[in-house]
C-alpha atoms as a PDB file:
ATOM      1  CA  UNK A   1      -0.462  19.266 -10.141  1.00  0.00           C
ATOM      2  CA  UNK A   2      -4.152  19.056  -9.276  1.00  0.00           C
ATOM      3  CA  UNK A   3      -5.658  21.032  -6.434  1.00  0.00           C
ATOM      4  CA  UNK A   4      -5.556  19.326  -3.045  1.00  0.00           C
ATOM      5  CA  UNK A   5      -2.788  16.887  -3.905  1.00  0.00           C
ATOM      6  CA  UNK A   6       0.726  17.232  -2.637  1.00  0.00           C
ATOM      7  CA  UNK A   7       4.029  17.273  -4.486  1.00  0.00           C
ATOM      8  CA  UNK A   8       5.192  13.982  -2.991  1.00  0.00           C
ATOM      9  CA  UNK A   9       2.121  12.169  -4.366  1.00  0.00           C
ATOM     10  CA  UNK A  10       1.821  13.864  -7.754  1.00  0.00           C
ATOM     11  CA  UNK A  11       5.137  15.556  -8.477  1.00  0.00           C
ATOM     12  CA  UNK A  12       7.940  14.551 -10.789  1.00  0.00           C
ATOM     13  CA  UNK A  13      10.734  14.785  -8.204  1.00  0.00           C
ATOM     14  CA  UNK A  14      11.956  11.571  -6.549  1.00  0.00           C
ATOM     15  CA  UNK A  15      11.672  11.821  -2.731  1.00  0.00           C
ATOM     16  CA  UNK A  16      12.262   8.301  -1.393  1.00  0.00           C
ATOM     17  CA  UNK A  17      11.702   8.056   2.361  1.00  0.00           C
ATOM     18  CA  UNK A  18      14.762   6.013   3.371  1.00  0.00           C
ATOM     19  CA  UNK A  19      14.094   6.752   7.065  1.00  0.00           C
ATOM     20  CA  UNK A  20      10.625   5.161   7.136  1.00  0.00           C
ATOM     21  CA  UNK A  21      11.612   1.857   8.745  1.00  0.00           C
ATOM     22  CA  UNK A  22      13.710   3.544  11.424  1.00  0.00           C
ATOM     23  CA  UNK A  23      10.760   5.763  12.384  1.00  0.00           C
ATOM     24  CA  UNK A  24       8.352   2.828  12.295  1.00  0.00           C
ATOM     25  CA  UNK A  25      10.594   0.761  14.566  1.00  0.00           C
ATOM     26  CA  UNK A  26      10.956   3.616  17.040  1.00  0.00           C
ATOM     27  CA  UNK A  27       7.315   4.705  17.153  1.00  0.00           C
ATOM     28  CA  UNK A  28       5.043   1.688  17.081  1.00  0.00           C
ATOM     29  CA  UNK A  29       4.657  -1.948  17.899  1.00  0.00           C
ATOM     30  CA  UNK A  30       6.590  -4.626  16.047  1.00  0.00           C
ATOM     31  CA  UNK A  31       5.609  -4.766  12.374  1.00  0.00           C
ATOM     32  CA  UNK A  32       6.597  -6.612   9.217  1.00  0.00           C
ATOM     33  CA  UNK A  33       6.197  -5.403   5.623  1.00  0.00           C
ATOM     34  CA  UNK A  34       3.425  -6.860   3.490  1.00  0.00           C
ATOM     35  CA  UNK A  35       3.411  -6.790  -0.310  1.00  0.00           C
ATOM     36  CA  UNK A  36      -0.187  -6.679  -1.530  1.00  0.00           C
ATOM     37  CA  UNK A  37      -0.746  -8.386  -4.884  1.00  0.00           C
ATOM     38  CA  UNK A  38      -3.888  -8.245  -7.016  1.00  0.00           C
ATOM     39  CA  UNK A  39      -4.699 -11.929  -7.547  1.00  0.00           C
ATOM     40  CA  UNK A  40      -6.347 -11.252 -10.911  1.00  0.00           C
ATOM     41  CA  UNK A  41      -3.643  -9.112 -12.529  1.00  0.00           C
ATOM     42  CA  UNK A  42      -0.554 -10.268 -10.641  1.00  0.00           C
ATOM     43  CA  UNK A  43       0.428  -6.631 -10.030  1.00  0.00           C
ATOM     44  CA  UNK A  44       1.834  -5.505  -6.702  1.00  0.00           C
ATOM     45  CA  UNK A  45      -0.607  -2.744  -5.790  1.00  0.00           C
ATOM     46  CA  UNK A  46       0.569  -1.722  -2.341  1.00  0.00           C
ATOM     47  CA  UNK A  47       3.318  -2.277   0.211  1.00  0.00           C
ATOM     48  CA  UNK A  48       2.203  -1.813   3.801  1.00  0.00           C
ATOM     49  CA  UNK A  49       2.828  -3.167   7.291  1.00  0.00           C
ATOM     50  CA  UNK A  50       1.117  -5.535   9.667  1.00  0.00           C
ATOM     51  CA  UNK A  51       1.512  -6.266  13.343  1.00  0.00           C
ATOM     52  CA  UNK A  52       0.285  -9.341  15.183  1.00  0.00           C
ATOM     53  CA  UNK A  53      -3.162  -7.865  15.884  1.00  0.00           C
ATOM     54  CA  UNK A  54      -3.762  -6.835  12.260  1.00  0.00           C
ATOM     55  CA  UNK A  55      -2.366 -10.140  10.984  1.00  0.00           C
ATOM     56  CA  UNK A  56      -4.656 -12.232  13.157  1.00  0.00           C
ATOM     57  CA  UNK A  57      -7.703 -10.148  12.234  1.00  0.00           C
ATOM     58  CA  UNK A  58      -6.873 -10.405   8.512  1.00  0.00           C
ATOM     59  CA  UNK A  59      -6.525 -14.183   8.776  1.00  0.00           C
ATOM     60  CA  UNK A  60      -9.745 -14.518  10.760  1.00  0.00           C
ATOM     61  CA  UNK A  61     -11.897 -12.207   8.621  1.00  0.00           C
ATOM     62  CA  UNK A  62     -10.253 -12.935   5.225  1.00  0.00           C
ATOM     63  CA  UNK A  63     -10.029  -9.231   4.407  1.00  0.00           C
ATOM     64  CA  UNK A  64      -7.206  -6.746   4.064  1.00  0.00           C
ATOM     65  CA  UNK A  65      -6.403  -5.521   7.560  1.00  0.00           C
ATOM     66  CA  UNK A  66      -3.059  -3.801   8.127  1.00  0.00           C
ATOM     67  CA  UNK A  67      -1.268  -1.606  10.640  1.00  0.00           C
ATOM     68  CA  UNK A  68      -1.091   2.101   9.820  1.00  0.00           C
ATOM     69  CA  UNK A  69       2.411   3.225  10.706  1.00  0.00           C
ATOM     70  CA  UNK A  70       1.528   6.887  10.139  1.00  0.00           C
ATOM     71  CA  UNK A  71      -1.500   6.808  12.460  1.00  0.00           C
ATOM     72  CA  UNK A  72      -0.196   4.007  14.714  1.00  0.00           C
ATOM     73  CA  UNK A  73      -3.515   2.159  14.589  1.00  0.00           C
ATOM     74  CA  UNK A  74      -5.341  -0.773  13.057  1.00  0.00           C
ATOM     75  CA  UNK A  75      -6.145  -0.055   9.395  1.00  0.00           C
ATOM     76  CA  UNK A  76      -9.047  -1.874   7.794  1.00  0.00           C
ATOM     77  CA  UNK A  77      -8.310  -1.069   4.148  1.00  0.00           C
ATOM     78  CA  UNK A  78     -11.352   0.535   2.575  1.00  0.00           C
ATOM     79  CA  UNK A  79     -13.391   0.976   5.750  1.00  0.00           C
ATOM     80  CA  UNK A  80     -13.919   4.679   5.017  1.00  0.00           C
ATOM     81  CA  UNK A  81     -13.380   4.778   1.234  1.00  0.00           C
ATOM     82  CA  UNK A  82     -15.296   1.633   0.346  1.00  0.00           C
ATOM     83  CA  UNK A  83     -12.231   0.267  -1.509  1.00  0.00           C
ATOM     84  CA  UNK A  84     -12.206  -3.058   0.355  1.00  0.00           C
ATOM     85  CA  UNK A  85     -10.342  -6.255  -0.477  1.00  0.00           C
ATOM     86  CA  UNK A  86     -10.969  -9.945  -0.049  1.00  0.00           C
ATOM     87  CA  UNK A  87      -7.875 -11.747   1.250  1.00  0.00           C
ATOM     88  CA  UNK A  88      -7.465 -14.883  -0.872  1.00  0.00           C
ATOM     89  CA  UNK A  89      -4.027 -16.160   0.141  1.00  0.00           C
ATOM     90  CA  UNK A  90      -1.182 -15.242   2.476  1.00  0.00           C
ATOM     91  CA  UNK A  91       2.491 -16.251   2.160  1.00  0.00           C
ATOM     92  CA  UNK A  92       5.486 -15.761   4.430  1.00  0.00           C
ATOM     93  CA  UNK A  93       9.081 -15.440   3.204  1.00  0.00           C
ATOM     94  CA  UNK A  94      11.885 -17.848   4.138  1.00  0.00           C
ATOM     95  CA  UNK A  95      13.099 -15.727   7.081  1.00  0.00           C
ATOM     96  CA  UNK A  96       9.524 -15.080   8.273  1.00  0.00           C
ATOM     97  CA  UNK A  97      10.063 -11.314   8.313  1.00  0.00           C
ATOM     98  CA  UNK A  98       7.789 -10.257   5.456  1.00  0.00           C
ATOM     99  CA  UNK A  99       4.471 -11.341   3.966  1.00  0.00           C
ATOM    100  CA  UNK A 100       2.721 -11.443   0.631  1.00  0.00           C
ATOM    101  CA  UNK A 101      -1.066 -11.095   0.557  1.00  0.00           C
ATOM    102  CA  UNK A 102      -2.938 -12.003  -2.616  1.00  0.00           C
ATOM    103  CA  UNK A 103      -6.172 -10.032  -2.670  1.00  0.00           C
ATOM    104  CA  UNK A 104      -9.157  -9.311  -4.867  1.00  0.00           C
ATOM    105  CA  UNK A 105     -10.513  -5.759  -4.900  1.00  0.00           C
ATOM    106  CA  UNK A 106     -14.231  -5.678  -4.142  1.00  0.00           C
ATOM    107  CA  UNK A 107     -14.714  -2.357  -5.917  1.00  0.00           C
ATOM    108  CA  UNK A 108     -11.631  -1.541  -7.916  1.00  0.00           C
ATOM    109  CA  UNK A 109      -9.219   0.962  -6.375  1.00  0.00           C
ATOM    110  CA  UNK A 110      -6.471   0.744  -3.807  1.00  0.00           C
ATOM    111  CA  UNK A 111      -4.681   4.098  -3.557  1.00  0.00           C
ATOM    112  CA  UNK A 112      -6.094   7.210  -1.917  1.00  0.00           C
ATOM    113  CA  UNK A 113      -4.974   9.155  -5.007  1.00  0.00           C
ATOM    114  CA  UNK A 114      -6.989   9.344  -8.227  1.00  0.00           C
ATOM    115  CA  UNK A 115      -6.065   9.956 -11.842  1.00  0.00           C
ATOM    116  CA  UNK A 116      -7.341  12.909 -13.911  1.00  0.00           C
ATOM    117  CA  UNK A 117     -10.508  10.957 -14.749  1.00  0.00           C
ATOM    118  CA  UNK A 118     -11.118  10.558 -10.992  1.00  0.00           C
ATOM    119  CA  UNK A 119     -10.547   6.819 -11.321  1.00  0.00           C
ATOM    120  CA  UNK A 120      -8.934   4.729  -8.630  1.00  0.00           C
ATOM    121  CA  UNK A 121      -5.423   3.510  -9.378  1.00  0.00           C
ATOM    122  CA  UNK A 122      -2.860   1.346  -7.627  1.00  0.00           C
ATOM    123  CA  UNK A 123      -0.088   2.927  -5.564  1.00  0.00           C
ATOM    124  CA  UNK A 124       2.640   2.312  -8.150  1.00  0.00           C
ATOM    125  CA  UNK A 125       1.561   4.892 -10.741  1.00  0.00           C
ATOM    126  CA  UNK A 126       4.906   6.640 -11.293  1.00  0.00           C
ATOM    127  CA  UNK A 127       7.896   5.181 -13.087  1.00  0.00           C
ATOM    128  CA  UNK A 128      11.434   6.328 -12.232  1.00  0.00           C
ATOM    129  CA  UNK A 129      13.456   7.492 -15.242  1.00  0.00           C
ATOM    130  CA  UNK A 130      16.886   5.885 -14.985  1.00  0.00           C
ATOM    131  CA  UNK A 131      18.815   8.761 -16.561  1.00  0.00           C
ATOM    132  CA  UNK A 132      17.393  11.657 -14.533  1.00  0.00           C
ATOM    133  CA  UNK A 133      15.668   9.952 -11.590  1.00  0.00           C
ATOM    134  CA  UNK A 134      12.621  12.065 -12.462  1.00  0.00           C
ATOM    135  CA  UNK A 135       9.208  10.511 -12.040  1.00  0.00           C
ATOM    136  CA  UNK A 136       6.837   9.792 -14.918  1.00  0.00           C
ATOM    137  CA  UNK A 137       3.153   9.426 -14.097  1.00  0.00           C
ATOM    138  CA  UNK A 138       1.911   6.440 -16.106  1.00  0.00           C
ATOM    139  CA  UNK A 139      -1.702   6.872 -14.939  1.00  0.00           C
ATOM    140  CA  UNK A 140      -2.221  10.646 -14.931  1.00  0.00           C
END
């Protein structure tokens, strides 16, 4: 594990947070999950949340604006890191309780973690091994 990174983000042990939605519901305004898809590659690069304020701002500004459930505040993706995204399309599911945003990265990265080459990567960089439930970093 590299210095400054925690076990949950870089380790090989599976630690799924099954209580996340219960905490989100209890601690912040009404939110729905949003799958974020890279329009060029088709890969899902992030799953996050939006509330009505973030949703309306994203639609108006055509950029990736979400609701940070950990900080309980509006989250303009990339505002501090520079890893911003153009919002190309938005879809709602049949029950209107989740969204899909198709985006184009303006600079390249999405996750706050980096690989060993200090390159940006998407948030789904570890594969779960079926037999052991251990994690395998596919973008070390």
